[in-house]
N, C-alpha and C. Protein backbone atom coordinates (compact mmCIF):
# COMPACT_ATOMS: atom_id res chain seq x y z
N MET A 1 59.90 96.86 120.23
CA MET A 1 60.73 97.94 119.79
C MET A 1 62.11 97.49 120.29
N THR A 2 63.09 98.60 119.30
CA THR A 2 64.56 98.25 119.66
C THR A 2 64.88 99.28 120.48
N ASP A 3 66.14 98.54 121.40
CA ASP A 3 66.75 99.19 122.38
C ASP A 3 67.63 100.34 121.94
N ASN A 4 67.89 101.15 121.96
CA ASN A 4 69.05 102.15 121.30
C ASN A 4 70.03 102.81 122.29
N VAL A 5 70.01 102.14 123.37
CA VAL A 5 70.74 102.69 124.37
C VAL A 5 72.12 101.88 124.27
N TYR A 6 73.25 102.72 124.14
CA TYR A 6 74.88 101.99 123.78
C TYR A 6 75.21 101.36 125.19
N ARG A 7 75.63 100.08 125.08
CA ARG A 7 76.04 99.23 126.18
C ARG A 7 77.22 98.82 125.85
N PRO A 8 78.23 99.37 125.85
CA PRO A 8 79.53 98.48 125.32
C PRO A 8 79.90 97.13 125.79
N GLY A 9 80.02 96.04 125.32
CA GLY A 9 80.73 95.01 125.82
C GLY A 9 79.53 93.87 126.14
N VAL A 10 78.36 94.24 125.93
CA VAL A 10 77.40 93.39 126.32
C VAL A 10 77.14 92.22 125.54
N GLN A 11 77.76 92.31 124.29
CA GLN A 11 77.80 91.25 123.45
C GLN A 11 78.67 89.84 124.04
N HIS A 12 79.85 90.58 125.04
CA HIS A 12 80.85 89.45 125.70
C HIS A 12 80.11 89.03 127.00
N PRO A 13 80.51 87.65 127.09
CA PRO A 13 80.27 87.17 128.58
C PRO A 13 80.86 87.93 129.77
N ASP A 14 80.26 88.11 131.03
CA ASP A 14 80.68 89.24 132.42
C ASP A 14 82.19 88.67 132.63
N GLU A 15 82.34 87.51 132.33
CA GLU A 15 83.98 87.04 133.11
C GLU A 15 84.93 87.39 131.99
N TRP A 16 84.52 87.60 130.65
CA TRP A 16 85.63 87.92 129.71
C TRP A 16 85.41 89.79 129.20
N ARG A 17 84.44 90.29 129.60
CA ARG A 17 83.71 91.71 129.14
C ARG A 17 85.19 92.76 129.34
N ALA A 18 85.80 92.58 130.71
CA ALA A 18 86.94 93.45 131.17
C ALA A 18 87.81 93.53 129.91
N ASP A 19 88.35 92.23 129.71
CA ASP A 19 89.58 91.47 128.75
C ASP A 19 89.34 92.27 127.34
N LEU A 20 88.09 91.88 126.82
CA LEU A 20 87.74 91.89 125.85
C LEU A 20 87.62 93.54 125.30
N ASN A 21 87.15 94.28 126.13
CA ASN A 21 86.74 95.66 125.82
C ASN A 21 87.05 96.41 127.17
N PRO A 22 88.60 96.58 127.02
CA PRO A 22 89.17 97.31 128.38
C PRO A 22 88.99 98.57 128.66
N ASP A 23 88.87 99.22 127.36
CA ASP A 23 88.37 101.02 127.50
C ASP A 23 87.36 101.04 126.57
N ALA A 24 86.03 100.48 127.19
CA ALA A 24 84.56 100.26 126.21
C ALA A 24 83.97 102.02 125.94
N LEU A 25 84.40 102.63 126.91
CA LEU A 25 83.50 103.83 126.79
C LEU A 25 84.82 104.90 125.99
N ALA A 26 85.71 104.83 125.84
CA ALA A 26 86.74 105.36 125.09
C ALA A 26 86.02 105.68 123.66
N GLY A 27 86.00 106.89 123.31
CA GLY A 27 85.80 107.24 121.97
C GLY A 27 84.45 107.96 121.84
N PRO A 28 83.43 107.17 122.07
CA PRO A 28 82.21 107.78 121.72
C PRO A 28 81.88 109.06 122.50
N ASN A 29 81.31 109.89 122.03
CA ASN A 29 80.52 111.11 122.40
C ASN A 29 79.03 110.97 122.88
N PHE A 30 78.64 110.88 124.05
CA PHE A 30 77.10 110.86 124.33
C PHE A 30 76.65 112.50 124.42
N GLY A 31 75.35 112.68 124.27
CA GLY A 31 74.77 113.52 124.38
C GLY A 31 74.34 114.05 123.18
N GLU A 32 73.83 115.33 123.15
CA GLU A 32 73.85 116.36 122.11
C GLU A 32 74.80 116.85 121.97
N PRO A 33 75.52 117.14 120.41
CA PRO A 33 76.37 118.07 120.49
C PRO A 33 76.55 119.47 120.82
N GLY A 34 77.19 120.25 121.66
CA GLY A 34 77.52 121.56 121.72
C GLY A 34 78.53 122.26 122.15
N GLU A 35 78.44 123.11 122.93
CA GLU A 35 80.01 123.77 123.78
C GLU A 35 80.47 122.66 124.35
N HIS A 36 81.86 123.23 124.51
CA HIS A 36 82.53 122.20 125.27
C HIS A 36 81.99 122.54 126.93
N PRO A 37 81.28 121.50 127.45
CA PRO A 37 80.62 121.69 128.64
C PRO A 37 81.54 121.50 130.07
N GLU A 38 82.56 120.59 129.61
CA GLU A 38 83.22 120.48 130.96
C GLU A 38 84.56 121.09 131.08
N LYS A 39 84.44 122.07 130.07
CA LYS A 39 85.60 123.44 130.81
C LYS A 39 85.22 124.63 129.64
N GLU A 40 85.76 125.87 130.00
CA GLU A 40 85.33 126.52 129.34
C GLU A 40 86.27 126.79 128.33
N LEU A 41 86.27 127.34 127.25
CA LEU A 41 87.34 127.59 126.10
C LEU A 41 88.08 128.69 126.91
N LEU A 42 89.28 128.74 126.21
CA LEU A 42 90.27 129.92 126.83
C LEU A 42 90.45 130.87 125.26
N CYS A 43 90.70 132.01 126.00
CA CYS A 43 90.88 133.23 125.17
C CYS A 43 92.39 133.25 124.63
N ALA A 44 92.71 133.30 123.51
CA ALA A 44 94.19 133.41 123.20
C ALA A 44 95.11 134.33 123.70
N TYR A 45 94.11 135.37 123.82
CA TYR A 45 94.51 136.63 124.41
C TYR A 45 95.32 136.48 125.88
N ASP A 46 94.48 135.51 126.68
CA ASP A 46 94.83 135.25 128.00
C ASP A 46 96.15 134.28 128.20
N VAL A 47 96.63 133.75 127.21
CA VAL A 47 97.37 132.46 127.27
C VAL A 47 99.08 133.20 127.01
N LYS A 48 99.74 133.65 127.64
CA LYS A 48 101.38 134.43 126.95
C LYS A 48 101.73 133.58 126.22
N GLU A 49 102.03 132.28 126.42
CA GLU A 49 102.45 131.55 125.23
C GLU A 49 102.07 131.80 123.84
N ILE A 50 100.42 131.65 123.85
CA ILE A 50 100.06 131.99 122.67
C ILE A 50 100.12 132.98 121.80
N GLN A 51 100.32 134.25 122.74
CA GLN A 51 100.78 135.57 122.36
C GLN A 51 101.66 135.90 121.77
N ARG A 52 102.68 135.36 122.36
CA ARG A 52 104.09 135.20 121.75
C ARG A 52 104.07 134.43 120.39
N ALA A 53 103.44 133.49 120.15
CA ALA A 53 103.18 132.79 119.34
C ALA A 53 102.71 133.47 117.99
N LEU A 54 101.69 134.21 118.33
CA LEU A 54 100.88 134.95 117.46
C LEU A 54 101.30 136.34 117.44
N ARG A 55 102.94 136.81 117.42
CA ARG A 55 102.86 138.17 117.97
C ARG A 55 102.45 139.40 116.86
N ASP A 56 102.11 138.41 115.49
CA ASP A 56 101.85 139.47 114.68
C ASP A 56 100.17 139.76 114.47
N MET A 57 99.40 139.12 115.64
CA MET A 57 98.03 139.65 115.32
C MET A 57 98.00 140.81 116.51
N ASP A 58 97.06 141.13 116.55
CA ASP A 58 96.25 142.49 117.36
C ASP A 58 95.69 141.94 118.32
N ASP A 59 95.36 142.84 119.27
CA ASP A 59 94.62 142.05 120.61
C ASP A 59 93.45 141.72 120.56
N ASP A 60 92.65 142.56 119.57
CA ASP A 60 91.12 142.10 119.08
C ASP A 60 91.13 140.96 118.49
N ASP A 61 92.03 140.32 117.32
CA ASP A 61 92.28 138.96 117.03
C ASP A 61 92.50 138.14 117.80
N LEU A 62 93.66 138.39 119.16
CA LEU A 62 93.72 137.39 120.09
C LEU A 62 92.45 137.12 121.16
N LYS A 63 91.70 138.13 120.98
CA LYS A 63 90.59 137.63 121.98
C LYS A 63 89.33 137.20 121.05
N ALA A 64 89.37 137.06 119.95
CA ALA A 64 88.62 136.28 119.09
C ALA A 64 89.11 134.68 118.77
N ILE A 65 90.02 134.46 119.47
CA ILE A 65 90.92 133.00 119.28
C ILE A 65 90.46 132.50 120.17
N LEU A 66 89.60 131.39 120.25
CA LEU A 66 89.26 130.55 121.72
C LEU A 66 89.89 129.20 121.15
N VAL A 67 90.64 128.75 122.57
CA VAL A 67 91.40 127.74 122.73
C VAL A 67 90.89 126.58 123.55
N VAL A 68 90.67 125.47 123.16
CA VAL A 68 90.48 124.33 123.80
C VAL A 68 91.37 124.03 125.39
N PRO A 69 90.95 124.21 126.28
CA PRO A 69 91.84 123.84 127.76
C PRO A 69 92.24 122.40 127.70
N GLU A 70 93.31 122.15 128.42
CA GLU A 70 94.13 120.87 128.59
C GLU A 70 92.75 120.03 129.33
N GLY A 71 92.74 119.08 128.83
CA GLY A 71 91.89 117.96 129.53
C GLY A 71 90.64 117.84 128.75
N ALA A 72 90.28 118.75 128.27
CA ALA A 72 88.90 119.05 127.69
C ALA A 72 88.87 117.89 126.39
N TRP A 73 87.67 117.09 126.26
CA TRP A 73 87.65 116.36 125.25
C TRP A 73 87.34 117.24 123.66
N LEU A 74 87.96 116.90 122.64
CA LEU A 74 87.58 117.67 121.49
C LEU A 74 86.58 116.63 120.91
N ARG A 75 85.54 117.77 120.00
CA ARG A 75 84.17 117.14 119.71
C ARG A 75 84.63 116.19 118.31
N GLN A 76 83.85 114.85 118.41
CA GLN A 76 84.29 113.66 117.52
C GLN A 76 83.42 114.53 115.90
N GLY A 77 84.44 114.51 115.18
CA GLY A 77 83.78 115.07 113.72
C GLY A 77 84.00 116.35 113.51
N SER A 78 84.48 117.15 114.29
CA SER A 78 84.45 118.66 114.29
C SER A 78 86.13 118.82 113.73
N THR A 79 86.12 120.22 113.17
CA THR A 79 87.40 120.64 112.67
C THR A 79 88.23 121.32 113.74
N TYR A 80 89.43 121.23 113.69
CA TYR A 80 90.58 121.87 114.87
C TYR A 80 91.44 122.30 113.95
N LEU A 81 92.24 122.99 114.52
CA LEU A 81 93.70 123.34 114.01
C LEU A 81 94.44 123.66 115.49
N ASP A 82 95.61 123.12 115.08
CA ASP A 82 96.43 123.08 116.70
C ASP A 82 97.71 124.28 116.52
N LEU A 83 97.66 125.22 117.20
CA LEU A 83 98.52 126.57 116.98
C LEU A 83 99.55 126.02 117.61
N HIS A 84 100.06 125.07 118.21
CA HIS A 84 101.34 124.50 118.80
C HIS A 84 102.05 123.85 117.75
N ASP A 85 101.32 123.48 116.51
CA ASP A 85 101.93 122.56 115.44
C ASP A 85 102.48 123.73 114.48
N PRO A 86 103.88 123.80 114.06
CA PRO A 86 104.22 124.70 112.95
C PRO A 86 103.53 124.62 111.79
N ALA A 87 103.15 123.42 111.45
CA ALA A 87 102.31 123.23 110.22
C ALA A 87 100.93 123.69 110.00
N ARG A 88 100.20 123.86 111.26
CA ARG A 88 98.90 124.38 111.45
C ARG A 88 98.14 124.08 110.45
N ARG A 89 98.03 122.42 110.12
CA ARG A 89 96.90 121.66 109.44
C ARG A 89 95.75 121.47 110.58
N GLU A 90 94.78 121.80 109.43
CA GLU A 90 93.60 121.08 110.26
C GLU A 90 93.30 120.01 110.02
N PHE A 91 92.36 119.26 111.02
CA PHE A 91 92.12 117.98 111.54
C PHE A 91 90.73 117.88 111.82
N THR A 92 90.24 116.62 111.48
CA THR A 92 88.84 116.51 112.32
C THR A 92 89.08 115.57 113.38
N ALA A 93 88.59 115.86 114.56
CA ALA A 93 89.11 115.10 115.86
C ALA A 93 88.08 113.46 115.63
N GLU A 94 88.53 112.91 116.28
CA GLU A 94 88.16 111.49 116.70
C GLU A 94 87.57 111.44 118.24
N GLY A 95 87.05 110.79 118.27
CA GLY A 95 85.99 110.47 119.64
C GLY A 95 87.12 110.27 120.74
N ASN A 96 88.26 109.75 120.53
CA ASN A 96 89.34 109.83 121.63
C ASN A 96 90.11 110.68 122.19
N MET A 97 89.91 111.96 121.21
CA MET A 97 91.09 112.89 121.52
C MET A 97 90.75 113.78 122.47
N VAL A 98 91.61 114.13 123.49
CA VAL A 98 91.76 115.11 124.45
C VAL A 98 93.16 116.05 124.20
N ALA A 99 92.41 117.45 124.42
CA ALA A 99 93.67 118.56 124.43
C ALA A 99 94.54 117.97 125.92
N GLY A 100 95.79 118.08 125.13
CA GLY A 100 97.29 117.65 126.10
C GLY A 100 97.59 119.28 126.35
N PRO A 101 98.66 118.67 127.17
CA PRO A 101 99.51 120.04 127.85
C PRO A 101 100.07 120.77 126.75
N VAL A 102 100.47 120.47 125.37
CA VAL A 102 100.89 120.83 124.40
C VAL A 102 100.25 121.24 123.23
N ASN A 103 99.02 120.98 123.45
CA ASN A 103 98.08 121.42 122.33
C ASN A 103 97.34 122.83 122.82
N TRP A 104 97.42 123.69 121.73
CA TRP A 104 96.40 124.82 121.47
C TRP A 104 95.51 124.69 120.61
N TYR A 105 94.44 123.53 120.54
CA TYR A 105 93.30 123.28 119.59
C TYR A 105 92.63 124.62 119.70
N VAL A 106 92.22 124.87 118.30
CA VAL A 106 91.34 126.20 117.84
C VAL A 106 90.11 125.30 117.25
N PRO A 107 88.83 125.20 117.68
CA PRO A 107 87.85 124.73 116.88
C PRO A 107 87.33 125.69 116.04
N LYS A 108 87.11 125.24 114.74
CA LYS A 108 86.74 126.08 113.63
C LYS A 108 85.58 126.56 113.93
N SER A 109 84.49 126.02 114.56
CA SER A 109 83.21 126.22 114.70
C SER A 109 82.74 127.65 115.72
N GLU A 110 84.17 127.91 116.07
CA GLU A 110 84.25 129.00 117.39
C GLU A 110 84.74 130.35 116.62
N ILE A 111 85.35 130.14 115.48
CA ILE A 111 86.26 131.29 114.99
C ILE A 111 85.61 131.85 113.55
N ASP A 112 85.53 133.20 113.34
CA ASP A 112 85.24 133.78 111.80
C ASP A 112 86.19 133.35 111.17
N TYR A 113 85.91 132.96 109.72
CA TYR A 113 86.19 132.18 108.86
C TYR A 113 87.65 132.70 108.30
N VAL A 114 87.50 134.18 108.08
CA VAL A 114 88.74 135.13 107.96
C VAL A 114 89.94 134.92 108.87
N LEU A 115 89.33 134.95 110.14
CA LEU A 115 90.49 134.89 111.34
C LEU A 115 91.13 133.24 111.00
N TRP A 116 90.13 132.17 111.04
CA TRP A 116 90.77 131.07 110.55
C TRP A 116 91.45 130.79 109.60
N ASN A 117 91.31 131.35 108.50
CA ASN A 117 92.08 131.38 107.15
C ASN A 117 93.86 131.96 107.91
N ARG A 118 93.90 132.83 108.50
CA ARG A 118 94.82 133.53 108.77
C ARG A 118 95.72 132.54 109.39
N LEU A 119 94.87 131.97 110.59
CA LEU A 119 95.55 131.28 111.27
C LEU A 119 96.26 129.70 110.53
N ALA A 120 95.43 129.33 109.75
CA ALA A 120 95.69 128.06 108.79
C ALA A 120 96.99 128.55 107.82
N GLY A 121 97.36 130.02 107.48
CA GLY A 121 98.27 130.14 106.34
C GLY A 121 97.77 130.41 105.05
N VAL A 122 96.46 130.35 104.81
CA VAL A 122 95.88 130.30 103.56
C VAL A 122 96.43 131.97 102.64
N THR A 123 96.53 131.53 101.38
CA THR A 123 97.23 133.03 100.91
C THR A 123 96.32 132.94 99.82
N ASP A 124 95.23 132.32 99.70
CA ASP A 124 94.32 132.74 98.54
C ASP A 124 93.81 133.81 98.69
N PRO A 125 93.85 135.07 97.93
CA PRO A 125 93.05 136.06 98.05
C PRO A 125 91.76 135.86 98.38
N ALA A 126 90.97 135.04 97.29
CA ALA A 126 89.66 134.82 97.30
C ALA A 126 89.17 134.11 98.65
N ARG A 127 89.94 133.55 99.23
CA ARG A 127 89.65 132.79 100.46
C ARG A 127 89.98 133.97 101.70
N LEU A 128 90.67 134.72 101.60
CA LEU A 128 90.90 135.57 102.73
C LEU A 128 89.89 136.81 102.73
N ASP A 129 89.51 137.10 101.62
CA ASP A 129 88.49 138.29 101.59
C ASP A 129 87.18 137.72 101.99
N GLU A 130 86.61 138.88 102.95
CA GLU A 130 85.31 138.78 103.91
C GLU A 130 84.32 138.69 102.92
N ALA A 131 84.36 138.88 101.53
CA ALA A 131 83.06 139.16 100.57
C ALA A 131 83.34 137.94 99.72
N GLY A 132 84.22 137.00 100.34
CA GLY A 132 84.62 135.88 99.61
C GLY A 132 84.98 135.72 98.12
N GLY A 133 85.38 137.00 97.40
CA GLY A 133 85.80 137.14 96.20
C GLY A 133 85.91 138.67 95.80
């Protein structure tokens, strides 16, 4: 039977393992995908800086926007948007990404697609319409 337990660096001799794999566990996400268990997502409505940045949105919209708190890991392979980035480009998270003090990461999986499109600056009416066209 094959051993499927991930053990970084075991292919290296003990005396060189730390030198050859200094950050052995950086990057991989262990366990089943799910919510951000280590920290609760923040509501944009509760963060004054985000309220100011999104002053064109009403309170209900701000309450529907969830933001990854500082220090929380981003889920590898998931799509995010950083509200702090003026370009607001979508990106796919890599396993070593953590929300920093100047990031307002919104996980696409936690937001309505119409609101996501507004945040991303989508102007195509077909994508903005709830019915999809």
